[in-house]
C-alpha atoms as a PDB file:
ATOM      1  CA  MET A   1      51.320 142.955  86.173  1.00  0.00           C
ATOM      2  CA  LYS A   2      51.804 139.692  84.306  1.00  0.00           C
ATOM      3  CA  ILE A   3      53.437 137.288  86.739  1.00  0.00           C
ATOM      4  CA  THR A   4      51.490 135.526  89.486  1.00  0.00           C
ATOM      5  CA  VAL A   5      53.249 133.105  91.827  1.00  0.00           C
ATOM      6  CA  ARG A   6      51.600 131.124  94.601  1.00  0.00           C
ATOM      7  CA  LEU A   7      53.938 129.905  97.305  1.00  0.00           C
ATOM      8  CA  PRO A   8      52.971 127.931 100.423  1.00  0.00           C
ATOM      9  CA  LEU A   9      53.327 129.607 103.810  1.00  0.00           C
ATOM     10  CA  TYR A  10      54.270 127.140 106.564  1.00  0.00           C
ATOM     11  CA  LEU A  11      53.297 127.999 110.127  1.00  0.00           C
ATOM     12  CA  SER A  12      55.921 125.927 111.963  1.00  0.00           C
ATOM     13  CA  VAL A  13      58.879 123.651 111.438  1.00  0.00           C
ATOM     14  CA  ALA A  14      56.607 120.673 111.966  1.00  0.00           C
ATOM     15  CA  ALA A  15      54.353 121.872 109.172  1.00  0.00           C
ATOM     16  CA  LEU A  16      57.200 121.458 106.694  1.00  0.00           C
ATOM     17  CA  LEU A  17      56.347 117.773 106.577  1.00  0.00           C
ATOM     18  CA  SER A  18      52.615 118.315 106.094  1.00  0.00           C
ATOM     19  CA  THR A  19      50.333 119.803 103.473  1.00  0.00           C
ATOM     20  CA  PRO A  20      50.445 123.638 103.474  1.00  0.00           C
ATOM     21  CA  VAL A  21      47.354 125.259 104.989  1.00  0.00           C
ATOM     22  CA  LEU A  22      47.864 128.767 103.620  1.00  0.00           C
ATOM     23  CA  ALA A  23      49.254 130.171 100.389  1.00  0.00           C
ATOM     24  CA  THR A  24      50.646 133.583  99.469  1.00  0.00           C
ATOM     25  CA  GLU A  25      50.059 135.043  96.006  1.00  0.00           C
ATOM     26  CA  TYR A  26      52.785 137.243  94.519  1.00  0.00           C
ATOM     27  CA  HIS A  27      52.319 139.657  91.611  1.00  0.00           C
ATOM     28  CA  PHE A  28      55.292 141.387  89.992  1.00  0.00           C
ATOM     29  CA  GLY A  29      54.941 144.490  87.843  1.00  0.00           C
ATOM     30  CA  GLY A  30      56.105 147.973  86.963  1.00  0.00           C
ATOM     31  CA  PHE A  31      57.520 149.405  83.756  1.00  0.00           C
ATOM     32  CA  LEU A  32      60.684 150.279  81.878  1.00  0.00           C
ATOM     33  CA  LYS A  33      60.815 153.896  80.706  1.00  0.00           C
ATOM     34  CA  ALA A  34      63.314 155.548  78.361  1.00  0.00           C
ATOM     35  CA  ASN A  35      63.307 159.363  78.190  1.00  0.00           C
ATOM     36  CA  ALA A  36      64.917 161.913  75.892  1.00  0.00           C
ATOM     37  CA  ARG A  37      64.490 165.447  77.310  1.00  0.00           C
ATOM     38  CA  TYR A  38      65.490 168.891  76.000  1.00  0.00           C
ATOM     39  CA  VAL A  39      65.152 172.057  78.120  1.00  0.00           C
ATOM     40  CA  GLU A  40      65.883 175.653  77.107  1.00  0.00           C
ATOM     41  CA  GLY A  41      65.485 178.689  79.362  1.00  0.00           C
ATOM     42  CA  ASN A  42      66.687 180.333  82.566  1.00  0.00           C
ATOM     43  CA  ILE A  43      65.164 177.958  85.117  1.00  0.00           C
ATOM     44  CA  ALA A  44      67.752 175.395  86.156  1.00  0.00           C
ATOM     45  CA  PHE A  45      67.362 172.001  84.469  1.00  0.00           C
ATOM     46  CA  GLN A  46      65.199 169.441  86.266  1.00  0.00           C
ATOM     47  CA  ASP A  47      64.677 165.794  85.331  1.00  0.00           C
ATOM     48  CA  SER A  48      60.958 166.556  85.697  1.00  0.00           C
ATOM     49  CA  TRP A  49      59.326 169.841  86.672  1.00  0.00           C
ATOM     50  CA  THR A  50      58.372 170.284  90.309  1.00  0.00           C
ATOM     51  CA  GLY A  51      56.913 173.408  91.867  1.00  0.00           C
ATOM     52  CA  GLY A  52      60.390 174.501  92.942  1.00  0.00           C
ATOM     53  CA  GLY A  53      63.351 175.536  90.853  1.00  0.00           C
ATOM     54  CA  SER A  54      65.913 178.319  90.720  1.00  0.00           C
ATOM     55  CA  VAL A  55      66.422 181.084  88.155  1.00  0.00           C
ATOM     56  CA  THR A  56      69.863 181.048  86.519  1.00  0.00           C
ATOM     57  CA  GLU A  57      71.542 182.183  83.323  1.00  0.00           C
ATOM     58  CA  SER A  58      69.758 181.045  80.181  1.00  0.00           C
ATOM     59  CA  ALA A  59      70.994 177.637  79.027  1.00  0.00           C
ATOM     60  CA  LYS A  60      70.158 174.617  76.862  1.00  0.00           C
ATOM     61  CA  ARG A  61      70.454 171.003  77.925  1.00  0.00           C
ATOM     62  CA  SER A  62      69.571 167.554  76.623  1.00  0.00           C
ATOM     63  CA  GLN A  63      69.419 164.416  78.760  1.00  0.00           C
ATOM     64  CA  PHE A  64      68.699 160.750  78.054  1.00  0.00           C
ATOM     65  CA  SER A  65      67.619 158.669  81.041  1.00  0.00           C
ATOM     66  CA  ALA A  66      66.013 155.404  82.146  1.00  0.00           C
ATOM     67  CA  ALA A  67      65.971 156.274  85.865  1.00  0.00           C
ATOM     68  CA  GLU A  68      62.166 156.565  85.992  1.00  0.00           C
ATOM     69  CA  SER A  69      61.840 152.807  85.419  1.00  0.00           C
ATOM     70  CA  ARG A  70      59.799 151.227  88.200  1.00  0.00           C
ATOM     71  CA  PHE A  71      59.433 147.784  89.796  1.00  0.00           C
ATOM     72  CA  ASN A  72      56.900 146.533  92.311  1.00  0.00           C
ATOM     73  CA  VAL A  73      55.744 143.412  94.102  1.00  0.00           C
ATOM     74  CA  SER A  74      52.351 142.724  95.629  1.00  0.00           C
ATOM     75  CA  ALA A  75      51.694 139.876  98.069  1.00  0.00           C
ATOM     76  CA  LYS A  76      48.374 138.586  99.375  1.00  0.00           C
ATOM     77  CA  GLN A  77      47.689 135.911 101.942  1.00  0.00           C
ATOM     78  CA  GLY A  78      44.121 135.626 103.140  1.00  0.00           C
ATOM     79  CA  ASP A  79      42.926 139.060 104.261  1.00  0.00           C
ATOM     80  CA  VAL A  80      46.446 140.482 104.402  1.00  0.00           C
ATOM     81  CA  HIS A  81      47.813 142.437 101.443  1.00  0.00           C
ATOM     82  CA  GLY A  82      51.274 143.979 101.121  1.00  0.00           C
ATOM     83  CA  PHE A  83      52.796 146.141  98.405  1.00  0.00           C
ATOM     84  CA  ALA A  84      56.298 147.519  97.809  1.00  0.00           C
ATOM     85  CA  GLU A  85      57.651 149.614  94.924  1.00  0.00           C
ATOM     86  CA  ILE A  86      60.950 151.216  93.962  1.00  0.00           C
ATOM     87  CA  ASP A  87      62.232 153.417  91.149  1.00  0.00           C
ATOM     88  CA  PHE A  88      65.475 155.309  90.534  1.00  0.00           C
ATOM     89  CA  ALA A  89      64.323 158.889  89.907  1.00  0.00           C
ATOM     90  CA  GLY A  90      66.075 161.615  91.856  1.00  0.00           C
ATOM     91  CA  SER A  91      69.017 159.414  92.804  1.00  0.00           C
ATOM     92  CA  SER A  92      72.052 161.361  94.000  1.00  0.00           C
ATOM     93  CA  GLN A  93      74.324 158.473  93.051  1.00  0.00           C
ATOM     94  CA  GLY A  94      73.857 158.756  89.289  1.00  0.00           C
ATOM     95  CA  ASN A  95      76.846 160.158  87.449  1.00  0.00           C
ATOM     96  CA  ALA A  96      77.306 160.436  83.680  1.00  0.00           C
ATOM     97  CA  VAL A  97      81.070 160.072  84.152  1.00  0.00           C
ATOM     98  CA  PHE A  98      80.857 156.739  86.019  1.00  0.00           C
ATOM     99  CA  SER A  99      78.373 154.463  84.239  1.00  0.00           C
ATOM    100  CA  ASN A 100      75.164 156.322  85.204  1.00  0.00           C
ATOM    101  CA  SER A 101      74.536 154.063  88.203  1.00  0.00           C
ATOM    102  CA  TYR A 102      71.355 155.086  90.027  1.00  0.00           C
ATOM    103  CA  SER A 103      70.405 153.910  93.492  1.00  0.00           C
ATOM    104  CA  PRO A 104      66.820 152.715  94.102  1.00  0.00           C
ATOM    105  CA  ARG A 105      64.414 154.815  96.173  1.00  0.00           C
ATOM    106  CA  LEU A 106      61.421 153.534  98.104  1.00  0.00           C
ATOM    107  CA  ARG A 107      58.076 154.738  96.755  1.00  0.00           C
ATOM    108  CA  HIS A 108      55.641 152.451  98.536  1.00  0.00           C
ATOM    109  CA  ALA A 109      55.836 149.854 101.335  1.00  0.00           C
ATOM    110  CA  PHE A 110      52.537 149.210 103.095  1.00  0.00           C
ATOM    111  CA  ILE A 111      50.268 146.567 104.604  1.00  0.00           C
ATOM    112  CA  GLU A 112      46.476 146.413 104.275  1.00  0.00           C
ATOM    113  CA  TYR A 113      44.227 144.426 106.609  1.00  0.00           C
ATOM    114  CA  GLN A 114      40.451 144.709 107.116  1.00  0.00           C
ATOM    115  CA  GLY A 115      40.204 148.323 105.985  1.00  0.00           C
ATOM    116  CA  VAL A 116      43.399 149.465 107.726  1.00  0.00           C
ATOM    117  CA  THR A 117      46.461 150.606 105.763  1.00  0.00           C
ATOM    118  CA  ALA A 118      49.810 151.061 107.543  1.00  0.00           C
ATOM    119  CA  GLY A 119      53.170 151.984 106.026  1.00  0.00           C
ATOM    120  CA  GLN A 120      54.362 154.356 103.319  1.00  0.00           C
ATOM    121  CA  THR A 121      52.086 155.162 100.404  1.00  0.00           C
ATOM    122  CA  TRP A 122      50.138 158.044  98.836  1.00  0.00           C
ATOM    123  CA  SER A 123      48.819 160.558 101.328  1.00  0.00           C
ATOM    124  CA  THR A 124      45.063 160.361 101.824  1.00  0.00           C
ATOM    125  CA  MET A 125      44.967 163.849 100.244  1.00  0.00           C
ATOM    126  CA  VAL A 126      46.052 162.368  96.895  1.00  0.00           C
ATOM    127  CA  ASN A 127      43.572 161.144  94.273  1.00  0.00           C
ATOM    128  CA  THR A 128      45.873 159.462  91.761  1.00  0.00           C
ATOM    129  CA  SER A 129      43.120 158.957  89.171  1.00  0.00           C
ATOM    130  CA  THR A 130      43.164 162.724  88.565  1.00  0.00           C
ATOM    131  CA  PHE A 131      46.845 162.833  87.524  1.00  0.00           C
ATOM    132  CA  ALA A 132      47.284 163.803  83.876  1.00  0.00           C
ATOM    133  CA  GLU A 133      48.883 161.346  81.461  1.00  0.00           C
ATOM    134  CA  THR A 134      52.247 162.977  80.730  1.00  0.00           C
ATOM    135  CA  ALA A 135      55.773 162.182  79.556  1.00  0.00           C
ATOM    136  CA  ASP A 136      57.179 164.520  82.229  1.00  0.00           C
ATOM    137  CA  LEU A 137      57.099 162.458  85.447  1.00  0.00           C
ATOM    138  CA  GLY A 138      54.084 163.436  87.540  1.00  0.00           C
ATOM    139  CA  GLY A 139      52.805 166.069  85.107  1.00  0.00           C
ATOM    140  CA  PRO A 140      51.920 169.550  86.407  1.00  0.00           C
ATOM    141  CA  LEU A 141      53.068 168.829  89.973  1.00  0.00           C
ATOM    142  CA  VAL A 142      53.041 172.561  90.708  1.00  0.00           C
ATOM    143  CA  GLY A 143      49.234 172.449  90.793  1.00  0.00           C
ATOM    144  CA  GLN A 144      48.419 169.151  92.470  1.00  0.00           C
ATOM    145  CA  THR A 145      48.776 167.121  95.651  1.00  0.00           C
ATOM    146  CA  MET A 146      51.715 164.745  95.374  1.00  0.00           C
ATOM    147  CA  VAL A 147      52.917 163.372  98.708  1.00  0.00           C
ATOM    148  CA  ARG A 148      53.929 159.862  99.705  1.00  0.00           C
ATOM    149  CA  GLN A 149      54.630 159.287 103.385  1.00  0.00           C
ATOM    150  CA  ALA A 150      54.155 156.915 106.319  1.00  0.00           C
ATOM    151  CA  LEU A 151      50.596 156.814 107.666  1.00  0.00           C
ATOM    152  CA  VAL A 152      47.864 154.799 109.354  1.00  0.00           C
ATOM    153  CA  ARG A 153      44.521 154.929 107.544  1.00  0.00           C
ATOM    154  CA  TYR A 154      41.087 153.386 108.060  1.00  0.00           C
ATOM    155  CA  GLN A 155      38.584 153.134 105.219  1.00  0.00           C
ATOM    156  CA  SER A 156      34.878 152.430 105.599  1.00  0.00           C
ATOM    157  CA  GLY A 157      32.649 152.757 102.550  1.00  0.00           C
ATOM    158  CA  HIS A 158      33.094 156.181 100.990  1.00  0.00           C
ATOM    159  CA  TRP A 159      35.072 157.561 103.980  1.00  0.00           C
ATOM    160  CA  GLN A 160      38.770 157.505 104.822  1.00  0.00           C
ATOM    161  CA  PHE A 161      40.336 158.651 108.103  1.00  0.00           C
ATOM    162  CA  ALA A 162      44.108 158.921 108.471  1.00  0.00           C
ATOM    163  CA  LEU A 163      46.915 159.984 110.767  1.00  0.00           C
ATOM    164  CA  GLU A 164      50.002 160.830 108.718  1.00  0.00           C
ATOM    165  CA  ASN A 165      53.639 161.606 109.387  1.00  0.00           C
ATOM    166  CA  PRO A 166      54.074 165.198 110.627  1.00  0.00           C
ATOM    167  CA  TYR A 167      56.799 167.413 109.204  1.00  0.00           C
ATOM    168  CA  SER A 168      57.201 171.198 109.318  1.00  0.00           C
ATOM    169  CA  TYR A 169      58.795 172.606 106.171  1.00  0.00           C
ATOM    170  CA  GLY A 170      59.743 176.261 106.071  1.00  0.00           C
ATOM    171  CA  THR A 171      61.598 179.039 107.841  1.00  0.00           C
ATOM    172  CA  THR A 172      61.532 180.663 111.255  1.00  0.00           C
ATOM    173  CA  GLU A 173      61.511 184.420 111.821  1.00  0.00           C
ATOM    174  CA  GLN A 174      64.320 186.117 109.914  1.00  0.00           C
ATOM    175  CA  SER A 175      67.374 187.345 111.733  1.00  0.00           C
ATOM    176  CA  THR A 176      68.661 190.922 111.401  1.00  0.00           C
ATOM    177  CA  ASP A 177      70.731 189.971 108.359  1.00  0.00           C
ATOM    178  CA  LEU A 178      67.599 188.660 106.601  1.00  0.00           C
ATOM    179  CA  GLN A 179      69.034 185.169 106.231  1.00  0.00           C
ATOM    180  CA  LYS A 180      66.484 182.366 106.295  1.00  0.00           C
ATOM    181  CA  GLN A 181      66.594 179.954 109.222  1.00  0.00           C
ATOM    182  CA  TRP A 182      65.148 176.572 108.283  1.00  0.00           C
ATOM    183  CA  ILE A 183      62.740 175.013 110.757  1.00  0.00           C
ATOM    184  CA  ASP A 184      64.089 172.195 112.911  1.00  0.00           C
ATOM    185  CA  PRO A 185      61.471 169.400 112.544  1.00  0.00           C
ATOM    186  CA  SER A 186      62.531 167.793 115.851  1.00  0.00           C
ATOM    187  CA  ASN A 187      59.488 169.423 117.489  1.00  0.00           C
ATOM    188  CA  ASP A 188      56.944 167.741 115.180  1.00  0.00           C
ATOM    189  CA  TYR A 189      55.013 165.456 117.512  1.00  0.00           C
ATOM    190  CA  VAL A 190      51.316 165.652 116.538  1.00  0.00           C
ATOM    191  CA  PRO A 191      50.382 163.606 113.423  1.00  0.00           C
ATOM    192  CA  ASP A 192      48.648 165.340 110.529  1.00  0.00           C
ATOM    193  CA  ALA A 193      44.985 164.292 110.266  1.00  0.00           C
ATOM    194  CA  VAL A 194      43.129 163.788 106.986  1.00  0.00           C
ATOM    195  CA  ILE A 195      39.447 163.064 106.397  1.00  0.00           C
ATOM    196  CA  ARG A 196      38.328 162.183 102.882  1.00  0.00           C
ATOM    197  CA  TYR A 197      35.044 161.368 101.151  1.00  0.00           C
ATOM    198  CA  ASP A 198      34.897 159.626  97.746  1.00  0.00           C
ATOM    199  CA  GLN A 199      32.029 159.169  95.304  1.00  0.00           C
ATOM    200  CA  GLN A 200      32.241 157.346  91.991  1.00  0.00           C
ATOM    201  CA  GLY A 201      30.077 156.000  89.185  1.00  0.00           C
ATOM    202  CA  ASP A 202      29.914 155.534  85.426  1.00  0.00           C
ATOM    203  CA  TRP A 203      30.448 159.302  85.144  1.00  0.00           C
ATOM    204  CA  GLY A 204      33.858 159.177  86.884  1.00  0.00           C
ATOM    205  CA  ASN A 205      34.837 159.968  90.465  1.00  0.00           C
ATOM    206  CA  VAL A 206      35.223 162.894  92.860  1.00  0.00           C
ATOM    207  CA  SER A 207      36.970 163.205  96.215  1.00  0.00           C
ATOM    208  CA  VAL A 208      36.844 165.876  98.910  1.00  0.00           C
ATOM    209  CA  SER A 209      39.626 165.927 101.500  1.00  0.00           C
ATOM    210  CA  SER A 210      40.344 168.083 104.544  1.00  0.00           C
ATOM    211  CA  LEU A 211      43.709 168.419 106.275  1.00  0.00           C
ATOM    212  CA  LEU A 212      44.155 169.385 109.944  1.00  0.00           C
ATOM    213  CA  ARG A 213      47.644 170.137 111.281  1.00  0.00           C
ATOM    214  CA  TYR A 214      49.334 171.232 114.495  1.00  0.00           C
ATOM    215  CA  LEU A 215      52.652 172.937 113.753  1.00  0.00           C
ATOM    216  CA  ASP A 216      54.793 173.779 116.748  1.00  0.00           C
ATOM    217  CA  PRO A 217      58.277 174.960 115.693  1.00  0.00           C
ATOM    218  CA  ASP A 218      59.901 177.026 118.447  1.00  0.00           C
ATOM    219  CA  ASP A 219      56.810 176.290 120.605  1.00  0.00           C
ATOM    220  CA  SER A 220      54.701 178.599 118.427  1.00  0.00           C
ATOM    221  CA  ALA A 221      51.636 176.282 118.536  1.00  0.00           C
ATOM    222  CA  GLN A 222      49.979 177.023 115.194  1.00  0.00           C
ATOM    223  CA  PHE A 223      46.922 175.197 113.862  1.00  0.00           C
ATOM    224  CA  GLY A 224      46.575 174.752 110.097  1.00  0.00           C
ATOM    225  CA  ALA A 225      43.748 173.511 107.919  1.00  0.00           C
ATOM    226  CA  GLY A 226      43.083 173.079 104.220  1.00  0.00           C
ATOM    227  CA  VAL A 227      40.660 171.536 101.762  1.00  0.00           C
ATOM    228  CA  SER A 228      41.151 169.720  98.467  1.00  0.00           C
ATOM    229  CA  VAL A 229      38.711 168.695  95.720  1.00  0.00           C
ATOM    230  CA  ALA A 230      39.762 166.332  92.919  1.00  0.00           C
ATOM    231  CA  ALA A 231      37.741 164.754  90.121  1.00  0.00           C
ATOM    232  CA  LYS A 232      38.014 162.649  86.997  1.00  0.00           C
ATOM    233  CA  LEU A 233      34.967 163.126  84.767  1.00  0.00           C
ATOM    234  CA  TYR A 234      34.207 161.248  81.547  1.00  0.00           C
ATOM    235  CA  THR A 235      33.017 163.462  78.689  1.00  0.00           C
ATOM    236  CA  LEU A 236      32.647 162.472  75.016  1.00  0.00           C
ATOM    237  CA  GLY A 237      33.473 158.910  74.029  1.00  0.00           C
ATOM    238  CA  LYS A 238      36.588 157.818  75.947  1.00  0.00           C
ATOM    239  CA  ASP A 239      37.665 161.418  76.678  1.00  0.00           C
ATOM    240  CA  ASP A 240      38.016 162.636  80.255  1.00  0.00           C
ATOM    241  CA  LEU A 241      38.504 165.836  82.237  1.00  0.00           C
ATOM    242  CA  ARG A 242      40.765 165.743  85.301  1.00  0.00           C
ATOM    243  CA  LEU A 243      40.943 168.554  87.820  1.00  0.00           C
ATOM    244  CA  GLN A 244      42.158 169.473  91.293  1.00  0.00           C
ATOM    245  CA  LEU A 245      41.425 172.532  93.467  1.00  0.00           C
ATOM    246  CA  HIS A 246      43.224 173.269  96.737  1.00  0.00           C
ATOM    247  CA  TYR A 247      43.073 176.017  99.348  1.00  0.00           C
ATOM    248  CA  GLY A 248      44.392 176.586 102.852  1.00  0.00           C
ATOM    249  CA  ASN A 249      47.412 175.821 105.016  1.00  0.00           C
ATOM    250  CA  LEU A 250      48.409 172.882 102.826  1.00  0.00           C
ATOM    251  CA  GLY A 251      52.132 173.663 102.593  1.00  0.00           C
ATOM    252  CA  ARG A 252      54.190 170.695 101.455  1.00  0.00           C
ATOM    253  CA  TYR A 253      51.092 168.681 100.496  1.00  0.00           C
ATOM    254  CA  VAL A 254      50.490 170.746  97.355  1.00  0.00           C
ATOM    255  CA  GLY A 255      52.738 171.952  94.558  1.00  0.00           C
ATOM    256  CA  THR A 256      55.851 169.846  95.236  1.00  0.00           C
ATOM    257  CA  ASP A 257      58.013 172.634  96.718  1.00  0.00           C
ATOM    258  CA  ALA A 258      55.893 175.494  95.371  1.00  0.00           C
ATOM    259  CA  ALA A 259      54.765 176.306  98.936  1.00  0.00           C
ATOM    260  CA  ARG A 260      56.152 175.933 102.441  1.00  0.00           C
ATOM    261  CA  ASP A 261      54.213 175.200 105.624  1.00  0.00           C
ATOM    262  CA  ILE A 262      55.596 178.216 107.480  1.00  0.00           C
ATOM    263  CA  VAL A 263      57.408 181.266 106.089  1.00  0.00           C
ATOM    264  CA  ASN A 264      59.385 183.420 108.536  1.00  0.00           C
ATOM    265  CA  GLY A 265      57.336 182.035 111.408  1.00  0.00           C
ATOM    266  CA  GLU A 266      53.995 182.772 109.705  1.00  0.00           C
ATOM    267  CA  LEU A 267      51.581 180.065 108.560  1.00  0.00           C
ATOM    268  CA  GLU A 268      51.437 179.962 104.755  1.00  0.00           C
ATOM    269  CA  THR A 269      48.191 179.922 102.743  1.00  0.00           C
ATOM    270  CA  THR A 270      48.154 178.295  99.326  1.00  0.00           C
ATOM    271  CA  ARG A 271      45.819 178.512  96.334  1.00  0.00           C
ATOM    272  CA  SER A 272      46.403 175.813  93.760  1.00  0.00           C
ATOM    273  CA  ALA A 273      44.691 174.252  90.749  1.00  0.00           C
ATOM    274  CA  MET A 274      45.326 171.648  88.071  1.00  0.00           C
ATOM    275  CA  VAL A 275      43.244 170.816  84.999  1.00  0.00           C
ATOM    276  CA  ALA A 276      43.873 168.298  82.206  1.00  0.00           C
ATOM    277  CA  TYR A 277      41.773 167.183  79.264  1.00  0.00           C
ATOM    278  CA  ARG A 278      42.538 163.890  77.502  1.00  0.00           C
ATOM    279  CA  HIS A 279      41.171 163.240  74.008  1.00  0.00           C
ATOM    280  CA  PHE A 280      41.315 159.901  72.186  1.00  0.00           C
ATOM    281  CA  TRP A 281      42.022 160.233  68.474  1.00  0.00           C
ATOM    282  CA  THR A 282      41.779 156.459  68.045  1.00  0.00           C
ATOM    283  CA  ASP A 283      41.614 153.537  70.474  1.00  0.00           C
ATOM    284  CA  ALA A 284      45.425 153.522  70.600  1.00  0.00           C
ATOM    285  CA  THR A 285      46.270 157.234  70.226  1.00  0.00           C
ATOM    286  CA  ARG A 286      45.378 160.053  72.628  1.00  0.00           C
ATOM    287  CA  SER A 287      46.490 163.556  73.637  1.00  0.00           C
ATOM    288  CA  SER A 288      46.403 165.511  76.899  1.00  0.00           C
ATOM    289  CA  LEU A 289      46.413 169.273  77.372  1.00  0.00           C
ATOM    290  CA  PHE A 290      47.269 170.192  80.975  1.00  0.00           C
ATOM    291  CA  TYR A 291      47.886 173.182  83.234  1.00  0.00           C
ATOM    292  CA  GLY A 292      48.918 173.542  86.875  1.00  0.00           C
ATOM    293  CA  HIS A 293      49.269 176.742  88.915  1.00  0.00           C
ATOM    294  CA  THR A 294      50.075 177.633  92.534  1.00  0.00           C
ATOM    295  CA  THR A 295      50.217 180.967  94.365  1.00  0.00           C
ATOM    296  CA  THR A 296      50.968 181.656  98.020  1.00  0.00           C
ATOM    297  CA  GLU A 297      50.038 184.597 100.241  1.00  0.00           C
ATOM    298  CA  VAL A 298      53.021 185.048 102.578  1.00  0.00           C
ATOM    299  CA  GLU A 299      55.969 184.184 100.347  1.00  0.00           C
ATOM    300  CA  GLN A 300      54.047 185.368  97.263  1.00  0.00           C
ATOM    301  CA  THR A 301      55.220 182.609  94.951  1.00  0.00           C
ATOM    302  CA  ASP A 302      53.486 182.353  91.572  1.00  0.00           C
ATOM    303  CA  ARG A 303      54.349 179.336  89.401  1.00  0.00           C
ATOM    304  CA  PHE A 304      52.743 177.383  86.597  1.00  0.00           C
ATOM    305  CA  HIS A 305      53.350 174.455  84.238  1.00  0.00           C
ATOM    306  CA  ILE A 306      51.536 174.026  80.923  1.00  0.00           C
ATOM    307  CA  GLY A 307      51.949 171.325  78.294  1.00  0.00           C
ATOM    308  CA  ALA A 308      50.459 169.177  75.558  1.00  0.00           C
ATOM    309  CA  ASN A 309      51.333 165.705  74.340  1.00  0.00           C
ATOM    310  CA  ILE A 310      50.404 162.778  72.139  1.00  0.00           C
ATOM    311  CA  PHE A 311      50.713 159.106  73.109  1.00  0.00           C
ATOM    312  CA  THR A 312      50.206 156.034  70.970  1.00  0.00           C
ATOM    313  CA  ASN A 313      50.362 152.367  71.860  1.00  0.00           C
ATOM    314  CA  LEU A 314      52.683 150.571  69.443  1.00  0.00           C
ATOM    315  CA  THR A 315      51.566 147.338  71.131  1.00  0.00           C
ATOM    316  CA  PRO A 316      49.186 146.793  74.077  1.00  0.00           C
ATOM    317  CA  VAL A 317      52.162 147.094  76.482  1.00  0.00           C
ATOM    318  CA  LEU A 318      54.422 149.590  74.661  1.00  0.00           C
ATOM    319  CA  ALA A 319      53.552 153.323  74.553  1.00  0.00           C
ATOM    320  CA  LEU A 320      55.378 156.109  72.722  1.00  0.00           C
ATOM    321  CA  GLY A 321      54.834 159.706  73.857  1.00  0.00           C
ATOM    322  CA  VAL A 322      55.913 163.158  72.662  1.00  0.00           C
ATOM    323  CA  GLU A 323      55.355 166.243  74.835  1.00  0.00           C
ATOM    324  CA  LEU A 324      55.968 170.002  74.624  1.00  0.00           C
ATOM    325  CA  GLY A 325      55.577 172.348  77.567  1.00  0.00           C
ATOM    326  CA  ARG A 326      56.637 175.351  79.589  1.00  0.00           C
ATOM    327  CA  TYR A 327      57.434 175.882  83.272  1.00  0.00           C
ATOM    328  CA  GLN A 328      57.411 179.459  84.586  1.00  0.00           C
ATOM    329  CA  ILE A 329      58.247 181.221  87.861  1.00  0.00           C
ATOM    330  CA  ASP A 330      56.759 184.683  88.352  1.00  0.00           C
ATOM    331  CA  ASP A 331      57.143 185.235  92.104  1.00  0.00           C
ATOM    332  CA  GLN A 332      56.075 188.583  93.519  1.00  0.00           C
ATOM    333  CA  GLN A 333      57.986 190.793  95.963  1.00  0.00           C
ATOM    334  CA  PRO A 334      57.241 189.824  99.588  1.00  0.00           C
ATOM    335  CA  ALA A 335      56.906 192.822 101.892  1.00  0.00           C
ATOM    336  CA  TYR A 336      59.525 191.480 104.311  1.00  0.00           C
ATOM    337  CA  SER A 337      62.249 190.679 101.761  1.00  0.00           C
ATOM    338  CA  LEU A 338      65.019 192.855 100.332  1.00  0.00           C
ATOM    339  CA  GLN A 339      65.853 190.247  97.689  1.00  0.00           C
ATOM    340  CA  ASN A 340      64.553 190.433  94.146  1.00  0.00           C
ATOM    341  CA  PRO A 341      61.726 187.963  93.455  1.00  0.00           C
ATOM    342  CA  ALA A 342      62.497 184.983  91.230  1.00  0.00           C
ATOM    343  CA  LYS A 343      61.238 185.325  87.658  1.00  0.00           C
ATOM    344  CA  GLY A 344      62.044 183.019  84.765  1.00  0.00           C
ATOM    345  CA  SER A 345      60.798 180.369  82.384  1.00  0.00           C
ATOM    346  CA  SER A 346      61.963 177.286  80.508  1.00  0.00           C
ATOM    347  CA  ASN A 347      60.466 175.443  77.556  1.00  0.00           C
ATOM    348  CA  TYR A 348      60.945 171.703  77.139  1.00  0.00           C
ATOM    349  CA  ALA A 349      60.411 168.833  74.720  1.00  0.00           C
ATOM    350  CA  GLN A 350      60.369 165.207  75.786  1.00  0.00           C
ATOM    351  CA  VAL A 351      60.029 161.843  74.107  1.00  0.00           C
ATOM    352  CA  SER A 352      59.306 158.758  76.182  1.00  0.00           C
ATOM    353  CA  LEU A 353      59.041 155.051  75.417  1.00  0.00           C
ATOM    354  CA  GLN A 354      57.345 153.011  78.138  1.00  0.00           C
ATOM    355  CA  PHE A 355      57.094 149.204  78.370  1.00  0.00           C
ATOM    356  CA  TYR A 356      54.582 147.987  80.952  1.00  0.00           C
ATOM    357  CA  LEU A 357      55.711 144.781  82.630  1.00  0.00           C
END
């Protein structure tokens, strides 16, 4: 973030004729990112791999894109801090026939004041320092927490306590024709609660989070709970090890569509893990080897993402990355389903050029 602007904040019309008593600092930042992506296999093409995906006929596809470019603004006035950020990834407006116009999407918009955060930002379950450095946006999302949503959070020392937006994602009991009935979230009225403890030092950092949920689709009154451990640990030289472990009724909080909250009226249980090791070849050049994996008990999904890359800084603000990887779906046969489980895989190669503003 290179630009800092200080503008006066006037408290009344009369104050326009007097010396300003308060000032607001603005910082503008983000990055421009150009991607070239090639995917080959029988999992339908995705701009970046999530924990979802559908198995199709084997195909090959290349795509150039700049939609992951990101812009943000931060404002501070006294004890009040605000932050807002947009990018263009996942836009439904983009069309290669008509000028590739992509609509912006809101990533963050929150206010911080005396330890309280209110607005949309990363869930308290998310430890962003443990994300792997990858060309594929988000990295092995299938094995990590990756949720942004509206919340109210209080932080005191090493502890964080939050109430977050409730949402039930999944299916109700199947009808006689075995067609899935998606849950109507209109009965979500109890916020999700998260408690988190952080510890950090010269060795890195570790966080332990617990999630408590009350899911009540069709007045079924189900209580869910889960736990998450995430760490970034420094090893040799500038190298680091990043890992996440998750277990419980975490549903949509983990795996980015690898798991649902409720499947056919039954609370889902998820096991998930992510590990990444980053090695510095020189001060400017480094590589990451990463792996993410999620399995579920009720729906019996089994999905993983593995990859390796090399990044080098051409200048202090310009990074070039090359990445190879594989995303695979190996779902098992649920006892209640007459449909064949999804099984497939796709390999990908991606080159990215990223200019930090």
